[in-house]
N, C-alpha and C. Protein backbone atom coordinates (compact mmCIF):
# COMPACT_ATOMS: atom_id res chain seq x y z
N MET A 1 0.15 -25.60 27.63
CA MET A 1 -0.51 -24.34 27.31
C MET A 1 -0.06 -23.26 28.30
N THR A 2 0.20 -22.09 27.80
CA THR A 2 0.62 -20.96 28.62
C THR A 2 -0.57 -20.42 29.40
N ASP A 3 -0.38 -20.21 30.70
CA ASP A 3 -1.44 -19.63 31.52
C ASP A 3 -1.52 -18.13 31.25
N THR A 4 -2.73 -17.63 31.13
CA THR A 4 -2.97 -16.20 30.97
C THR A 4 -4.13 -15.80 31.88
N PRO A 5 -4.21 -14.52 32.23
CA PRO A 5 -5.37 -14.07 33.00
C PRO A 5 -6.65 -14.26 32.18
N ASP A 6 -7.77 -14.42 32.85
CA ASP A 6 -9.05 -14.56 32.15
C ASP A 6 -9.24 -13.40 31.18
N GLY A 7 -9.67 -13.71 29.97
CA GLY A 7 -9.93 -12.69 28.97
C GLY A 7 -8.71 -12.21 28.22
N THR A 8 -7.57 -12.81 28.47
CA THR A 8 -6.34 -12.39 27.82
C THR A 8 -5.80 -13.53 26.96
N ALA A 9 -5.48 -13.24 25.72
CA ALA A 9 -4.88 -14.23 24.83
C ALA A 9 -3.37 -14.27 25.09
N VAL A 10 -2.71 -15.24 24.52
CA VAL A 10 -1.26 -15.36 24.68
C VAL A 10 -0.55 -14.14 24.09
N ILE A 11 -1.06 -13.62 22.98
CA ILE A 11 -0.54 -12.38 22.40
C ILE A 11 -1.66 -11.35 22.46
N ALA A 12 -1.36 -10.20 23.05
CA ALA A 12 -2.34 -9.13 23.16
C ALA A 12 -1.67 -7.82 22.74
N PRO A 13 -2.04 -7.27 21.59
CA PRO A 13 -1.37 -6.07 21.08
C PRO A 13 -1.55 -4.85 21.97
N PHE A 14 -0.53 -4.00 21.93
CA PHE A 14 -0.50 -2.74 22.68
C PHE A 14 -0.26 -1.64 21.66
N VAL A 15 -1.21 -0.72 21.50
CA VAL A 15 -1.14 0.33 20.50
C VAL A 15 -0.93 1.67 21.18
N PHE A 16 0.06 2.42 20.69
CA PHE A 16 0.32 3.77 21.17
C PHE A 16 -0.10 4.75 20.07
N ALA A 17 -0.87 5.77 20.45
CA ALA A 17 -1.36 6.73 19.46
C ALA A 17 -1.65 8.06 20.12
N ASP A 18 -1.56 9.12 19.35
CA ASP A 18 -2.04 10.41 19.81
C ASP A 18 -3.57 10.32 19.94
N ARG A 19 -4.12 11.05 20.89
CA ARG A 19 -5.57 11.07 21.10
C ARG A 19 -6.12 9.66 21.32
N ALA A 20 -5.55 8.95 22.27
CA ALA A 20 -5.96 7.57 22.55
C ALA A 20 -7.45 7.47 22.85
N ASP A 21 -8.02 8.46 23.54
CA ASP A 21 -9.47 8.43 23.81
C ASP A 21 -10.26 8.30 22.51
N ASP A 22 -9.85 9.04 21.48
CA ASP A 22 -10.55 8.98 20.19
C ASP A 22 -10.34 7.64 19.50
N LEU A 23 -9.12 7.09 19.59
CA LEU A 23 -8.87 5.77 19.00
C LEU A 23 -9.71 4.70 19.70
N ILE A 24 -9.83 4.80 21.01
CA ILE A 24 -10.67 3.85 21.75
C ILE A 24 -12.11 3.93 21.25
N ASP A 25 -12.63 5.15 21.10
CA ASP A 25 -13.99 5.33 20.58
C ASP A 25 -14.12 4.73 19.18
N PHE A 26 -13.12 4.94 18.34
CA PHE A 26 -13.11 4.39 16.99
C PHE A 26 -13.21 2.86 17.02
N VAL A 27 -12.38 2.22 17.82
CA VAL A 27 -12.35 0.76 17.89
C VAL A 27 -13.66 0.21 18.45
N VAL A 28 -14.21 0.88 19.46
CA VAL A 28 -15.50 0.46 20.02
C VAL A 28 -16.58 0.47 18.94
N HIS A 29 -16.64 1.53 18.16
CA HIS A 29 -17.69 1.66 17.15
C HIS A 29 -17.45 0.80 15.91
N VAL A 30 -16.21 0.68 15.48
CA VAL A 30 -15.93 -0.08 14.26
C VAL A 30 -16.03 -1.58 14.48
N PHE A 31 -15.49 -2.05 15.61
CA PHE A 31 -15.42 -3.50 15.86
C PHE A 31 -16.38 -3.98 16.95
N ASP A 32 -17.28 -3.12 17.41
CA ASP A 32 -18.16 -3.49 18.51
C ASP A 32 -17.36 -3.97 19.72
N ALA A 33 -16.23 -3.32 19.94
CA ALA A 33 -15.38 -3.68 21.07
C ALA A 33 -16.06 -3.27 22.38
N ARG A 34 -15.70 -3.98 23.42
CA ARG A 34 -16.19 -3.65 24.76
C ARG A 34 -15.06 -2.97 25.52
N ASP A 35 -15.30 -1.73 25.91
CA ASP A 35 -14.34 -0.98 26.71
C ASP A 35 -14.39 -1.49 28.14
N VAL A 36 -13.25 -1.60 28.78
CA VAL A 36 -13.17 -2.02 30.19
C VAL A 36 -12.75 -0.77 30.98
N PRO A 37 -13.73 0.05 31.39
CA PRO A 37 -13.40 1.35 31.99
C PRO A 37 -12.57 1.25 33.26
N GLU A 38 -12.76 0.19 34.04
CA GLU A 38 -11.99 0.07 35.29
C GLU A 38 -10.50 -0.18 35.03
N ALA A 39 -10.15 -0.53 33.80
CA ALA A 39 -8.74 -0.76 33.47
C ALA A 39 -8.04 0.52 33.03
N ARG A 40 -8.82 1.56 32.73
CA ARG A 40 -8.23 2.79 32.20
C ARG A 40 -7.43 3.50 33.28
N THR A 41 -6.18 3.80 32.95
CA THR A 41 -5.26 4.45 33.88
C THR A 41 -4.65 5.66 33.19
N ARG A 42 -4.65 6.80 33.88
CA ARG A 42 -4.06 8.02 33.31
C ARG A 42 -2.79 8.38 34.07
N ASP A 43 -1.86 8.95 33.34
CA ASP A 43 -0.60 9.42 33.91
C ASP A 43 -0.83 10.81 34.52
N ASP A 44 0.18 11.32 35.19
CA ASP A 44 0.08 12.64 35.82
C ASP A 44 -0.22 13.74 34.81
N ASP A 45 0.17 13.55 33.55
CA ASP A 45 -0.08 14.55 32.51
C ASP A 45 -1.46 14.41 31.88
N GLY A 46 -2.27 13.46 32.37
CA GLY A 46 -3.62 13.26 31.86
C GLY A 46 -3.71 12.30 30.69
N LEU A 47 -2.57 11.90 30.16
CA LEU A 47 -2.58 10.96 29.03
C LEU A 47 -2.85 9.54 29.51
N ILE A 48 -3.46 8.75 28.65
CA ILE A 48 -3.78 7.36 29.00
C ILE A 48 -2.51 6.53 28.99
N LEU A 49 -2.26 5.87 30.11
CA LEU A 49 -1.15 4.91 30.23
C LEU A 49 -1.59 3.51 29.84
N HIS A 50 -2.85 3.20 30.10
CA HIS A 50 -3.35 1.84 29.89
C HIS A 50 -4.86 1.87 29.73
N SER A 51 -5.34 1.13 28.73
CA SER A 51 -6.77 0.90 28.56
C SER A 51 -6.92 -0.50 27.99
N GLU A 52 -8.08 -1.08 28.17
CA GLU A 52 -8.33 -2.42 27.65
C GLU A 52 -9.65 -2.45 26.90
N LEU A 53 -9.59 -3.01 25.70
CA LEU A 53 -10.78 -3.23 24.88
C LEU A 53 -10.86 -4.71 24.57
N ILE A 54 -12.05 -5.26 24.64
CA ILE A 54 -12.26 -6.66 24.31
C ILE A 54 -12.94 -6.72 22.94
N ILE A 55 -12.31 -7.42 22.01
CA ILE A 55 -12.86 -7.67 20.69
C ILE A 55 -12.93 -9.18 20.54
N GLY A 56 -14.14 -9.71 20.53
CA GLY A 56 -14.28 -11.17 20.48
C GLY A 56 -13.64 -11.79 21.70
N ASP A 57 -12.67 -12.67 21.47
CA ASP A 57 -11.99 -13.33 22.59
C ASP A 57 -10.61 -12.74 22.85
N SER A 58 -10.35 -11.54 22.34
CA SER A 58 -9.02 -10.94 22.44
C SER A 58 -9.07 -9.57 23.11
N MET A 59 -7.94 -9.20 23.69
CA MET A 59 -7.82 -7.90 24.33
C MET A 59 -6.86 -7.03 23.53
N LEU A 60 -7.25 -5.78 23.35
CA LEU A 60 -6.40 -4.78 22.72
C LEU A 60 -6.16 -3.70 23.77
N THR A 61 -4.90 -3.35 23.98
CA THR A 61 -4.55 -2.30 24.92
C THR A 61 -4.14 -1.06 24.12
N ILE A 62 -4.66 0.08 24.52
CA ILE A 62 -4.35 1.34 23.84
C ILE A 62 -3.87 2.34 24.88
N ALA A 63 -2.82 3.08 24.52
CA ALA A 63 -2.28 4.13 25.38
C ALA A 63 -1.93 5.34 24.53
N ASP A 64 -1.84 6.49 25.20
CA ASP A 64 -1.42 7.70 24.51
C ASP A 64 0.08 7.67 24.23
N ARG A 65 0.44 8.22 23.11
CA ARG A 65 1.83 8.43 22.74
C ARG A 65 2.29 9.72 23.41
N LYS A 66 3.38 9.65 24.14
CA LYS A 66 3.93 10.85 24.79
C LYS A 66 4.51 11.78 23.72
N PRO A 67 4.60 13.08 24.02
CA PRO A 67 5.08 14.04 23.01
C PRO A 67 6.44 13.70 22.41
N HIS A 68 7.33 13.11 23.18
CA HIS A 68 8.69 12.83 22.68
C HIS A 68 8.86 11.41 22.15
N TRP A 69 7.81 10.61 22.13
CA TRP A 69 7.90 9.23 21.65
C TRP A 69 7.77 9.18 20.13
N PRO A 70 8.43 8.22 19.49
CA PRO A 70 8.36 8.12 18.03
C PRO A 70 7.01 7.54 17.58
N PHE A 71 6.71 7.78 16.33
CA PHE A 71 5.53 7.20 15.69
C PHE A 71 5.77 5.71 15.49
N THR A 72 4.87 4.90 16.01
CA THR A 72 4.97 3.45 15.86
C THR A 72 3.60 2.92 15.44
N PRO A 73 3.32 2.89 14.13
CA PRO A 73 2.01 2.41 13.72
C PRO A 73 1.82 0.95 14.10
N ALA A 74 0.60 0.60 14.39
CA ALA A 74 0.26 -0.79 14.69
C ALA A 74 -0.21 -1.46 13.41
N PHE A 75 0.01 -2.76 13.34
CA PHE A 75 -0.46 -3.58 12.24
C PHE A 75 -1.27 -4.70 12.88
N LEU A 76 -2.59 -4.64 12.73
CA LEU A 76 -3.50 -5.50 13.48
C LEU A 76 -4.36 -6.34 12.55
N ARG A 77 -4.53 -7.60 12.89
CA ARG A 77 -5.36 -8.53 12.11
C ARG A 77 -6.58 -8.90 12.95
N VAL A 78 -7.76 -8.71 12.36
CA VAL A 78 -9.01 -8.95 13.08
C VAL A 78 -9.94 -9.78 12.19
N TYR A 79 -10.52 -10.81 12.77
CA TYR A 79 -11.54 -11.60 12.09
C TYR A 79 -12.90 -11.04 12.46
N VAL A 80 -13.75 -10.84 11.44
CA VAL A 80 -15.08 -10.27 11.64
C VAL A 80 -16.10 -11.11 10.88
N ASP A 81 -17.37 -10.85 11.14
CA ASP A 81 -18.44 -11.56 10.43
C ASP A 81 -18.78 -10.90 9.10
N ASP A 82 -18.61 -9.57 9.01
CA ASP A 82 -19.02 -8.83 7.82
C ASP A 82 -17.99 -7.74 7.53
N ALA A 83 -17.07 -8.02 6.62
CA ALA A 83 -16.01 -7.06 6.31
C ALA A 83 -16.56 -5.77 5.73
N ALA A 84 -17.55 -5.86 4.85
CA ALA A 84 -18.11 -4.66 4.24
C ALA A 84 -18.69 -3.72 5.29
N GLU A 85 -19.37 -4.27 6.27
CA GLU A 85 -19.95 -3.46 7.35
C GLU A 85 -18.84 -2.81 8.19
N VAL A 86 -17.82 -3.56 8.52
CA VAL A 86 -16.71 -3.02 9.31
C VAL A 86 -16.00 -1.92 8.53
N LEU A 87 -15.75 -2.14 7.25
CA LEU A 87 -15.10 -1.11 6.43
C LEU A 87 -15.96 0.14 6.34
N ALA A 88 -17.27 -0.02 6.20
CA ALA A 88 -18.17 1.14 6.14
C ALA A 88 -18.13 1.93 7.44
N ARG A 89 -18.15 1.23 8.57
CA ARG A 89 -18.08 1.93 9.86
C ARG A 89 -16.74 2.63 10.02
N ALA A 90 -15.67 1.99 9.58
CA ALA A 90 -14.34 2.60 9.68
C ALA A 90 -14.26 3.85 8.80
N GLN A 91 -14.75 3.75 7.57
CA GLN A 91 -14.74 4.90 6.68
C GLN A 91 -15.57 6.05 7.23
N ALA A 92 -16.69 5.75 7.85
CA ALA A 92 -17.55 6.78 8.42
C ALA A 92 -16.83 7.53 9.54
N ARG A 93 -15.80 6.92 10.10
CA ARG A 93 -15.04 7.55 11.18
C ARG A 93 -13.65 7.99 10.72
N GLY A 94 -13.48 8.15 9.40
CA GLY A 94 -12.26 8.75 8.88
C GLY A 94 -11.19 7.80 8.37
N ALA A 95 -11.46 6.50 8.36
CA ALA A 95 -10.46 5.55 7.86
C ALA A 95 -10.47 5.55 6.33
N ARG A 96 -9.37 5.06 5.78
CA ARG A 96 -9.22 4.91 4.33
C ARG A 96 -9.07 3.43 4.01
N VAL A 97 -9.93 2.91 3.14
CA VAL A 97 -9.81 1.52 2.72
C VAL A 97 -8.56 1.39 1.86
N VAL A 98 -7.69 0.48 2.24
CA VAL A 98 -6.44 0.22 1.53
C VAL A 98 -6.62 -0.93 0.55
N THR A 99 -7.31 -1.98 0.99
CA THR A 99 -7.54 -3.17 0.17
C THR A 99 -9.03 -3.52 0.27
N GLU A 100 -9.71 -3.48 -0.86
CA GLU A 100 -11.12 -3.85 -0.89
C GLU A 100 -11.26 -5.34 -0.58
N PRO A 101 -12.42 -5.78 -0.08
CA PRO A 101 -12.60 -7.21 0.20
C PRO A 101 -12.25 -8.06 -1.03
N THR A 102 -11.37 -9.02 -0.78
CA THR A 102 -10.81 -9.85 -1.85
C THR A 102 -10.72 -11.29 -1.37
N ASP A 103 -11.08 -12.23 -2.22
CA ASP A 103 -10.92 -13.65 -1.86
C ASP A 103 -9.45 -13.94 -1.63
N PHE A 104 -9.18 -14.69 -0.55
CA PHE A 104 -7.80 -14.95 -0.16
C PHE A 104 -7.73 -16.31 0.52
N PHE A 105 -7.39 -17.33 -0.23
CA PHE A 105 -7.19 -18.68 0.31
C PHE A 105 -8.34 -19.13 1.20
N GLY A 106 -9.56 -18.95 0.73
CA GLY A 106 -10.72 -19.40 1.48
C GLY A 106 -11.30 -18.37 2.42
N ASP A 107 -10.63 -17.27 2.60
CA ASP A 107 -11.14 -16.18 3.42
C ASP A 107 -11.47 -15.00 2.51
N VAL A 108 -12.08 -13.98 3.10
CA VAL A 108 -12.21 -12.69 2.44
C VAL A 108 -11.31 -11.75 3.23
N PHE A 109 -10.48 -11.03 2.51
CA PHE A 109 -9.40 -10.24 3.09
C PHE A 109 -9.57 -8.79 2.68
N SER A 110 -9.37 -7.87 3.61
CA SER A 110 -9.38 -6.44 3.30
C SER A 110 -8.48 -5.72 4.29
N ARG A 111 -8.20 -4.46 4.00
CA ARG A 111 -7.38 -3.65 4.91
C ARG A 111 -7.92 -2.22 4.93
N PHE A 112 -7.73 -1.57 6.08
CA PHE A 112 -7.94 -0.12 6.13
C PHE A 112 -6.87 0.51 7.01
N GLN A 113 -6.67 1.81 6.76
CA GLN A 113 -5.77 2.60 7.59
C GLN A 113 -6.64 3.57 8.38
N ASP A 114 -6.47 3.56 9.70
CA ASP A 114 -7.26 4.45 10.53
C ASP A 114 -6.64 5.85 10.54
N PRO A 115 -7.34 6.85 11.08
CA PRO A 115 -6.81 8.21 11.10
C PRO A 115 -5.52 8.39 11.92
N TRP A 116 -5.13 7.39 12.69
CA TRP A 116 -3.91 7.44 13.51
C TRP A 116 -2.72 6.82 12.79
N GLY A 117 -2.95 6.30 11.57
CA GLY A 117 -1.87 5.70 10.80
C GLY A 117 -1.70 4.20 10.98
N ASN A 118 -2.56 3.57 11.79
CA ASN A 118 -2.48 2.13 11.99
C ASN A 118 -3.12 1.40 10.81
N LEU A 119 -2.57 0.23 10.47
CA LEU A 119 -3.14 -0.59 9.40
C LEU A 119 -3.85 -1.79 10.02
N TRP A 120 -5.08 -2.00 9.60
CA TRP A 120 -5.91 -3.10 10.10
C TRP A 120 -6.15 -4.09 8.98
N TRP A 121 -5.80 -5.34 9.18
CA TRP A 121 -6.11 -6.44 8.28
C TRP A 121 -7.45 -7.00 8.75
N VAL A 122 -8.45 -6.99 7.90
CA VAL A 122 -9.80 -7.41 8.27
C VAL A 122 -10.14 -8.67 7.46
N TYR A 123 -10.39 -9.75 8.16
CA TYR A 123 -10.67 -11.04 7.53
C TYR A 123 -12.07 -11.52 7.88
N VAL A 124 -12.69 -12.23 6.93
CA VAL A 124 -13.87 -13.04 7.19
C VAL A 124 -13.45 -14.46 6.84
N HIS A 125 -13.59 -15.35 7.80
CA HIS A 125 -13.17 -16.74 7.59
C HIS A 125 -14.33 -17.57 7.06
N HIS A 126 -14.05 -18.33 6.02
CA HIS A 126 -15.03 -19.24 5.43
C HIS A 126 -14.44 -20.65 5.47
N PRO A 127 -14.71 -21.41 6.53
CA PRO A 127 -14.08 -22.73 6.68
C PRO A 127 -14.28 -23.65 5.48
N ALA A 128 -15.46 -23.64 4.88
CA ALA A 128 -15.71 -24.53 3.74
C ALA A 128 -14.83 -24.15 2.55
N GLN A 129 -14.66 -22.86 2.34
CA GLN A 129 -13.83 -22.40 1.23
C GLN A 129 -12.35 -22.59 1.51
N ALA A 130 -11.98 -22.61 2.78
CA ALA A 130 -10.57 -22.79 3.12
C ALA A 130 -10.06 -24.13 2.62
N ASP A 131 -10.92 -25.12 2.58
CA ASP A 131 -10.52 -26.43 2.04
C ASP A 131 -10.18 -26.33 0.56
N ASP A 132 -10.88 -25.45 -0.17
CA ASP A 132 -10.62 -25.30 -1.60
C ASP A 132 -9.19 -24.85 -1.88
N TRP A 133 -8.67 -23.97 -1.05
CA TRP A 133 -7.33 -23.46 -1.32
C TRP A 133 -6.29 -24.55 -1.12
N GLN A 134 -6.62 -25.56 -0.31
CA GLN A 134 -5.68 -26.67 -0.12
C GLN A 134 -5.39 -27.39 -1.44
N GLN A 135 -6.28 -27.24 -2.40
CA GLN A 135 -6.08 -27.86 -3.72
C GLN A 135 -5.32 -26.94 -4.67
N SER A 136 -5.01 -25.72 -4.25
CA SER A 136 -4.39 -24.75 -5.14
C SER A 136 -2.89 -25.00 -5.30
N ASP A 137 -2.32 -24.35 -6.31
CA ASP A 137 -0.87 -24.43 -6.53
C ASP A 137 -0.12 -23.88 -5.32
N ALA A 138 -0.66 -22.85 -4.70
CA ALA A 138 0.01 -22.23 -3.55
C ALA A 138 0.17 -23.21 -2.40
N ALA A 139 -0.84 -24.02 -2.17
CA ALA A 139 -0.79 -24.96 -1.05
C ALA A 139 0.26 -26.04 -1.27
N HIS A 140 0.59 -26.30 -2.52
CA HIS A 140 1.54 -27.37 -2.82
C HIS A 140 2.89 -26.86 -3.29
N ALA A 141 3.09 -25.55 -3.25
CA ALA A 141 4.37 -24.98 -3.67
C ALA A 141 5.44 -25.32 -2.63
N PRO A 142 6.67 -25.49 -3.08
CA PRO A 142 7.76 -25.72 -2.13
C PRO A 142 7.88 -24.54 -1.16
N ALA A 143 8.37 -24.81 0.02
CA ALA A 143 8.48 -23.77 1.05
C ALA A 143 9.33 -22.60 0.60
N ASP A 144 10.30 -22.84 -0.26
CA ASP A 144 11.19 -21.76 -0.70
C ASP A 144 10.75 -21.13 -2.02
N ALA A 145 9.55 -21.45 -2.49
CA ALA A 145 9.06 -20.90 -3.76
C ALA A 145 8.75 -19.42 -3.61
N GLU A 146 9.06 -18.66 -4.65
CA GLU A 146 8.67 -17.25 -4.70
C GLU A 146 7.15 -17.18 -4.80
N TRP A 147 6.54 -16.25 -4.08
CA TRP A 147 5.08 -16.16 -4.11
C TRP A 147 4.57 -15.87 -5.52
N THR A 148 5.40 -15.22 -6.32
CA THR A 148 4.95 -14.87 -7.66
C THR A 148 4.77 -16.10 -8.55
N THR A 149 5.33 -17.25 -8.16
CA THR A 149 5.16 -18.46 -8.98
C THR A 149 3.73 -18.98 -8.94
N PHE A 150 2.98 -18.62 -7.93
CA PHE A 150 1.59 -19.05 -7.85
C PHE A 150 0.65 -17.87 -7.68
N ALA A 151 1.13 -16.67 -8.05
CA ALA A 151 0.34 -15.46 -7.88
C ALA A 151 -0.89 -15.47 -8.78
N THR A 152 -1.95 -14.93 -8.24
CA THR A 152 -3.19 -14.72 -8.98
C THR A 152 -3.40 -13.22 -9.05
N PRO A 153 -4.34 -12.74 -9.85
CA PRO A 153 -4.63 -11.30 -9.83
C PRO A 153 -5.00 -10.82 -8.42
N GLU A 154 -5.71 -11.66 -7.65
CA GLU A 154 -6.10 -11.26 -6.29
C GLU A 154 -4.86 -11.08 -5.41
N LEU A 155 -3.93 -12.03 -5.48
CA LEU A 155 -2.71 -11.91 -4.69
C LEU A 155 -1.89 -10.70 -5.12
N GLY A 156 -1.84 -10.45 -6.42
CA GLY A 156 -1.12 -9.27 -6.91
C GLY A 156 -1.72 -7.99 -6.36
N TYR A 157 -3.06 -7.91 -6.35
CA TYR A 157 -3.75 -6.74 -5.80
C TYR A 157 -3.47 -6.59 -4.31
N ILE A 158 -3.58 -7.68 -3.57
CA ILE A 158 -3.33 -7.64 -2.13
C ILE A 158 -1.91 -7.16 -1.85
N HIS A 159 -0.96 -7.66 -2.61
CA HIS A 159 0.44 -7.28 -2.42
C HIS A 159 0.67 -5.81 -2.78
N SER A 160 0.17 -5.37 -3.93
CA SER A 160 0.43 -4.00 -4.36
C SER A 160 -0.22 -2.98 -3.43
N THR A 161 -1.41 -3.29 -2.88
CA THR A 161 -2.04 -2.34 -1.97
C THR A 161 -1.29 -2.24 -0.65
N LEU A 162 -0.67 -3.34 -0.21
CA LEU A 162 0.15 -3.28 0.99
C LEU A 162 1.40 -2.44 0.75
N VAL A 163 2.07 -2.68 -0.36
CA VAL A 163 3.28 -1.91 -0.68
C VAL A 163 2.96 -0.43 -0.73
N GLU A 164 1.87 -0.07 -1.37
CA GLU A 164 1.46 1.33 -1.46
C GLU A 164 1.17 1.92 -0.08
N ALA A 165 0.44 1.18 0.74
CA ALA A 165 0.10 1.68 2.09
C ALA A 165 1.36 1.84 2.94
N MET A 166 2.26 0.87 2.88
CA MET A 166 3.48 0.96 3.68
C MET A 166 4.35 2.12 3.22
N ASP A 167 4.44 2.32 1.91
CA ASP A 167 5.23 3.44 1.38
C ASP A 167 4.65 4.78 1.81
N GLY A 168 3.35 4.83 2.08
CA GLY A 168 2.70 6.07 2.45
C GLY A 168 2.63 6.35 3.94
N LEU A 169 3.14 5.44 4.78
CA LEU A 169 3.06 5.67 6.23
C LEU A 169 3.87 6.89 6.63
N ARG A 170 3.25 7.75 7.40
CA ARG A 170 3.90 8.97 7.89
C ARG A 170 3.44 9.22 9.32
N ASP A 171 4.28 9.89 10.07
CA ASP A 171 3.92 10.29 11.42
C ASP A 171 2.72 11.23 11.35
N PRO A 172 1.64 10.93 12.09
CA PRO A 172 0.46 11.80 12.05
C PRO A 172 0.75 13.23 12.50
N ARG A 173 1.82 13.42 13.24
CA ARG A 173 2.17 14.78 13.68
C ARG A 173 2.78 15.61 12.56
N GLU A 174 3.12 14.97 11.46
CA GLU A 174 3.70 15.66 10.31
C GLU A 174 2.63 15.84 9.25
N GLY A 175 2.79 16.82 8.41
CA GLY A 175 1.87 17.00 7.28
C GLY A 175 0.47 17.32 7.73
N ASP A 176 -0.50 16.63 7.13
CA ASP A 176 -1.90 16.93 7.41
C ASP A 176 -2.41 16.25 8.67
N GLY A 177 -1.54 15.47 9.35
CA GLY A 177 -1.94 14.83 10.60
C GLY A 177 -2.75 13.56 10.42
N SER A 178 -2.89 13.10 9.18
CA SER A 178 -3.73 11.92 8.95
C SER A 178 -2.98 10.61 9.11
N GLY A 179 -1.65 10.67 9.15
CA GLY A 179 -0.89 9.43 9.20
C GLY A 179 -0.67 8.85 7.81
N ARG A 180 -1.14 9.55 6.81
CA ARG A 180 -0.97 9.09 5.42
C ARG A 180 -0.79 10.31 4.53
N THR A 181 -0.31 10.07 3.35
CA THR A 181 0.00 11.18 2.46
C THR A 181 -1.12 11.49 1.47
N SER A 182 -2.08 10.59 1.31
CA SER A 182 -3.15 10.86 0.35
C SER A 182 -4.48 10.96 1.04
């Protein structure tokens, strides 16, 4: 097992965004994250170089995007207890639901795009239902099978909403500043 500092997972995402202070506030309110104020570090220009938020057993680091840095949206997967509640809190703070809660191989799966252009995959895990998917065609498909060979309407919806969201990604500094076109 790889050694990590206490409170740090082996993989810990680092998100760069304009108005990092606002994104931190968003994550705290949407995911009940715990801000670690002593970790917050500002650069000479006042922008955040480093911050740490604890969500469950994981750490998310957020920093400000410098004026000359490119737009790099984050794609984050988070397990929650209540997807509908998380989506409602995200929407109340300006997010757009990309994928409504949908059954997905024993889990409930949804997505939203935050006002900074990041895409969040929001899951609720149902261990008892996860066993059910093991009996599905998808679980027994050959490794090289096209996903469409075992596609369901739910999988089709999940796929099409991702394609639409990815096609709509834009730099928040362009256009209306939302990070999306609609």
